[in-house]
Amino acid sequence: MTKYTSKTELEVRARQLLKERGVKIDDIAELVYYLQSKYHNDLTMDTCRFNVNRVLTKREVQNAVITGIELDMLAEKKLLSEPLQETIQIDEGLYGIDEVIALSIVNVYGSIGLTNFGYIDKQKPGILEKLNDKSSGEIHTFLDDIVGAVAAAASSRLAHGDAENEHEELDG
């Protein structure tokens, strides 16, 4: 077994990479709030945070986070071969693989995540605006879509009422 094959180690690494790249759980929770507040009058940041954390426990999500962020970091160090290096470096609009990785996250909680992802990817609120700022010199070709996808998946999870059921199970 390699170093990051257990679920716990994968999750720790995925969360560590998000933090190292300047993304906090609260940043993603704010996106969930942005997507869901008009549908849930009593929505709290705690509920949004809970759903983000649940999404990040999924192995498929952890693998997508790690893969995407590692590719961004390799591009920053100019360690990819051409034409891939420039494609990722400039976040070329027709590339699409960054969205494909994001869709693997979105699909974990059903098709409603797809519409949430499309909407938030177009709007780019909160942390997504920062991640899309090319003037920083950092490359977030994958990370912006991954963060949007985690938020979309957490929003889908919330929309399906999974969080409420789990709170009842944990309390009971």
Protein backbone atom coordinates (compact mmCIF):
# COMPACT_ATOMS: atom_id res chain seq x y z
CA MET A 1 0.00 0.00 0.00
CA THR A 2 1.38 3.41 -0.92
CA LYS A 3 1.56 6.35 1.44
CA TYR A 4 -1.82 7.97 0.55
CA THR A 5 -4.10 5.01 -0.08
CA SER A 6 -6.08 4.95 3.15
CA LYS A 7 -9.17 7.15 3.25
CA THR A 8 -7.95 9.07 6.25
CA GLU A 9 -4.57 9.90 4.75
CA LEU A 10 -6.16 10.88 1.44
CA GLU A 11 -8.56 13.19 3.21
CA VAL A 12 -5.79 14.75 5.27
CA ARG A 13 -3.74 15.37 2.13
CA ALA A 14 -6.67 16.80 0.15
CA ARG A 15 -7.54 19.18 2.98
CA GLN A 16 -3.89 20.13 3.41
CA LEU A 17 -3.54 20.98 -0.28
CA LEU A 18 -6.70 23.11 -0.23
CA LYS A 19 -5.35 25.03 2.75
CA GLU A 20 -1.89 25.44 1.19
CA ARG A 21 -3.52 26.87 -1.93
CA GLY A 22 -5.44 29.42 0.12
CA VAL A 23 -8.85 27.75 0.27
CA LYS A 24 -10.55 27.40 3.64
CA ILE A 25 -13.57 25.26 4.42
CA ASP A 26 -15.45 28.47 5.22
CA ASP A 27 -14.67 29.80 1.73
CA ILE A 28 -16.42 26.79 0.24
CA ALA A 29 -19.23 26.95 2.82
CA GLU A 30 -19.88 30.56 1.75
CA LEU A 31 -20.37 29.31 -1.80
CA VAL A 32 -22.86 26.73 -0.54
CA TYR A 33 -24.70 29.51 1.28
CA TYR A 34 -24.66 31.57 -1.92
CA LEU A 35 -26.23 28.68 -3.84
CA GLN A 36 -28.78 27.54 -1.25
CA SER A 37 -29.79 30.48 0.98
CA LYS A 38 -32.77 31.45 -1.18
CA TYR A 39 -34.18 27.93 -0.82
CA HIS A 40 -33.62 27.49 2.93
CA ASN A 41 -34.77 30.35 5.15
CA ASP A 42 -32.99 29.00 8.21
CA LEU A 43 -29.73 28.06 6.49
CA THR A 44 -26.66 28.60 8.64
CA MET A 45 -22.97 28.61 7.91
CA ASP A 46 -22.67 25.64 10.28
CA THR A 47 -24.98 23.62 8.03
CA CYS A 48 -23.05 24.70 4.94
CA ARG A 49 -19.74 23.84 6.60
CA PHE A 50 -21.12 20.45 7.70
CA ASN A 51 -22.09 19.59 4.12
CA VAL A 52 -18.72 20.69 2.72
CA ASN A 53 -16.96 18.52 5.27
CA ARG A 54 -19.15 15.54 4.38
CA VAL A 55 -18.36 15.95 0.67
CA LEU A 56 -14.65 16.04 1.49
CA THR A 57 -14.91 12.64 3.18
CA LYS A 58 -15.61 10.98 -0.17
CA ARG A 59 -12.61 9.20 -1.65
CA GLU A 60 -13.48 10.19 -5.23
CA VAL A 61 -13.57 13.83 -4.14
CA GLN A 62 -10.23 13.53 -2.35
CA ASN A 63 -8.60 12.01 -5.42
CA ALA A 64 -9.98 14.77 -7.66
CA VAL A 65 -8.77 17.48 -5.27
CA ILE A 66 -5.28 16.02 -5.05
CA THR A 67 -4.97 15.37 -8.80
CA GLY A 68 -6.15 18.82 -9.84
CA ILE A 69 -4.09 20.75 -7.34
CA GLU A 70 -0.96 18.74 -8.14
CA LEU A 71 -1.40 19.56 -11.84
CA ASP A 72 -1.78 23.26 -11.01
CA MET A 73 1.39 23.16 -8.92
CA LEU A 74 3.36 21.35 -11.63
CA ALA A 75 2.24 23.99 -14.13
CA GLU A 76 3.38 26.77 -11.75
CA LYS A 77 6.80 25.15 -11.63
CA LYS A 78 6.74 24.76 -15.43
CA LEU A 79 7.23 21.00 -15.12
CA LEU A 80 4.68 19.95 -17.74
CA SER A 81 5.54 19.34 -21.36
CA GLU A 82 4.18 21.53 -24.13
CA PRO A 83 1.53 22.12 -25.26
CA LEU A 84 -0.02 21.01 -21.93
CA GLN A 85 2.12 23.46 -19.95
CA GLU A 86 0.80 26.53 -21.76
CA THR A 87 -2.74 25.18 -21.93
CA ILE A 88 -2.95 24.83 -18.15
CA GLN A 89 -0.90 27.95 -17.49
CA ILE A 90 -3.29 30.18 -19.42
CA ASP A 91 -6.41 28.17 -18.45
CA GLU A 92 -7.28 27.74 -22.10
CA GLY A 93 -11.05 27.91 -22.58
CA LEU A 94 -11.36 24.85 -24.80
CA TYR A 95 -9.24 22.58 -22.60
CA GLY A 96 -12.14 21.26 -20.50
CA ILE A 97 -10.28 18.58 -18.54
CA ASP A 98 -10.42 20.80 -15.45
CA GLU A 99 -14.22 20.72 -15.71
CA VAL A 100 -14.21 16.95 -16.28
CA ILE A 101 -12.36 16.42 -13.01
CA ALA A 102 -14.80 18.80 -11.32
CA LEU A 103 -17.75 16.85 -12.72
CA SER A 104 -16.49 13.70 -11.00
CA ILE A 105 -17.05 15.61 -7.73
CA VAL A 106 -20.38 17.11 -8.77
CA ASN A 107 -21.83 13.71 -9.70
CA VAL A 108 -21.25 12.22 -6.25
CA TYR A 109 -24.56 13.70 -5.04
CA GLY A 110 -26.69 13.52 -8.16
CA SER A 111 -27.51 15.54 -11.23
CA ILE A 112 -28.71 18.66 -9.38
CA GLY A 113 -25.03 19.33 -8.70
CA LEU A 114 -24.48 19.87 -12.40
CA THR A 115 -26.78 22.90 -12.53
CA ASN A 116 -25.31 24.24 -9.29
CA PHE A 117 -21.82 23.86 -10.72
CA GLY A 118 -22.66 25.51 -14.03
CA TYR A 119 -24.25 28.45 -12.24
CA ILE A 120 -21.44 29.03 -9.76
CA ASP A 121 -18.79 28.53 -12.43
CA LYS A 122 -20.36 31.36 -14.46
CA GLN A 123 -20.99 33.69 -11.50
CA LYS A 124 -17.59 33.14 -9.80
CA PRO A 125 -18.56 34.55 -6.39
CA GLY A 126 -16.33 34.70 -3.33
CA ILE A 127 -13.18 32.61 -3.40
CA LEU A 128 -13.80 31.69 -7.05
CA GLU A 129 -13.20 35.29 -8.12
CA LYS A 130 -9.87 35.26 -6.27
CA LEU A 131 -8.83 31.91 -7.75
CA ASN A 132 -9.61 33.17 -11.25
CA ASP A 133 -7.44 36.27 -10.85
CA LYS A 134 -4.54 35.59 -13.21
CA SER A 135 -2.55 38.61 -11.94
CA SER A 136 -1.39 36.72 -8.83
CA GLY A 137 0.98 34.53 -10.87
CA GLU A 138 -0.53 31.43 -9.28
CA ILE A 139 -2.16 28.82 -11.47
CA HIS A 140 -5.57 27.61 -10.35
CA THR A 141 -6.85 26.09 -13.59
CA PHE A 142 -8.09 23.02 -11.74
CA LEU A 143 -8.57 24.44 -8.26
CA ASP A 144 -11.26 26.97 -9.15
CA ASP A 145 -13.38 24.25 -10.74
CA ILE A 146 -12.69 21.83 -7.90
CA VAL A 147 -13.77 24.37 -5.27
CA GLY A 148 -16.89 25.19 -7.28
CA ALA A 149 -17.63 21.48 -7.63
CA VAL A 150 -17.24 20.78 -3.91
CA ALA A 151 -19.63 23.67 -3.20
CA ALA A 152 -22.07 22.38 -5.83
CA ALA A 153 -21.92 18.85 -4.41
CA ALA A 154 -22.42 20.15 -0.86
CA SER A 155 -25.38 22.20 -2.12
CA SER A 156 -26.85 19.11 -3.76
CA ARG A 157 -26.37 17.16 -0.58
CA LEU A 158 -28.16 19.90 1.32
CA ALA A 159 -30.95 20.07 -1.26
CA HIS A 160 -31.52 16.35 -0.89
CA GLY A 161 -31.89 16.75 2.86
CA ASP A 162 -29.06 14.37 3.73
CA ALA A 163 -27.60 16.68 6.34
CA GLU A 164 -30.86 16.92 8.26
CA ASN A 165 -31.20 13.13 8.34
CA GLU A 166 -27.64 12.67 9.53
CA HIS A 167 -28.07 15.25 12.28
CA GLU A 168 -31.10 13.30 13.50
CA GLU A 169 -29.13 10.03 13.37
CA LEU A 170 -26.21 11.56 15.26
CA ASP A 171 -28.51 13.07 17.90
CA GLY A 172 -30.65 9.95 18.28
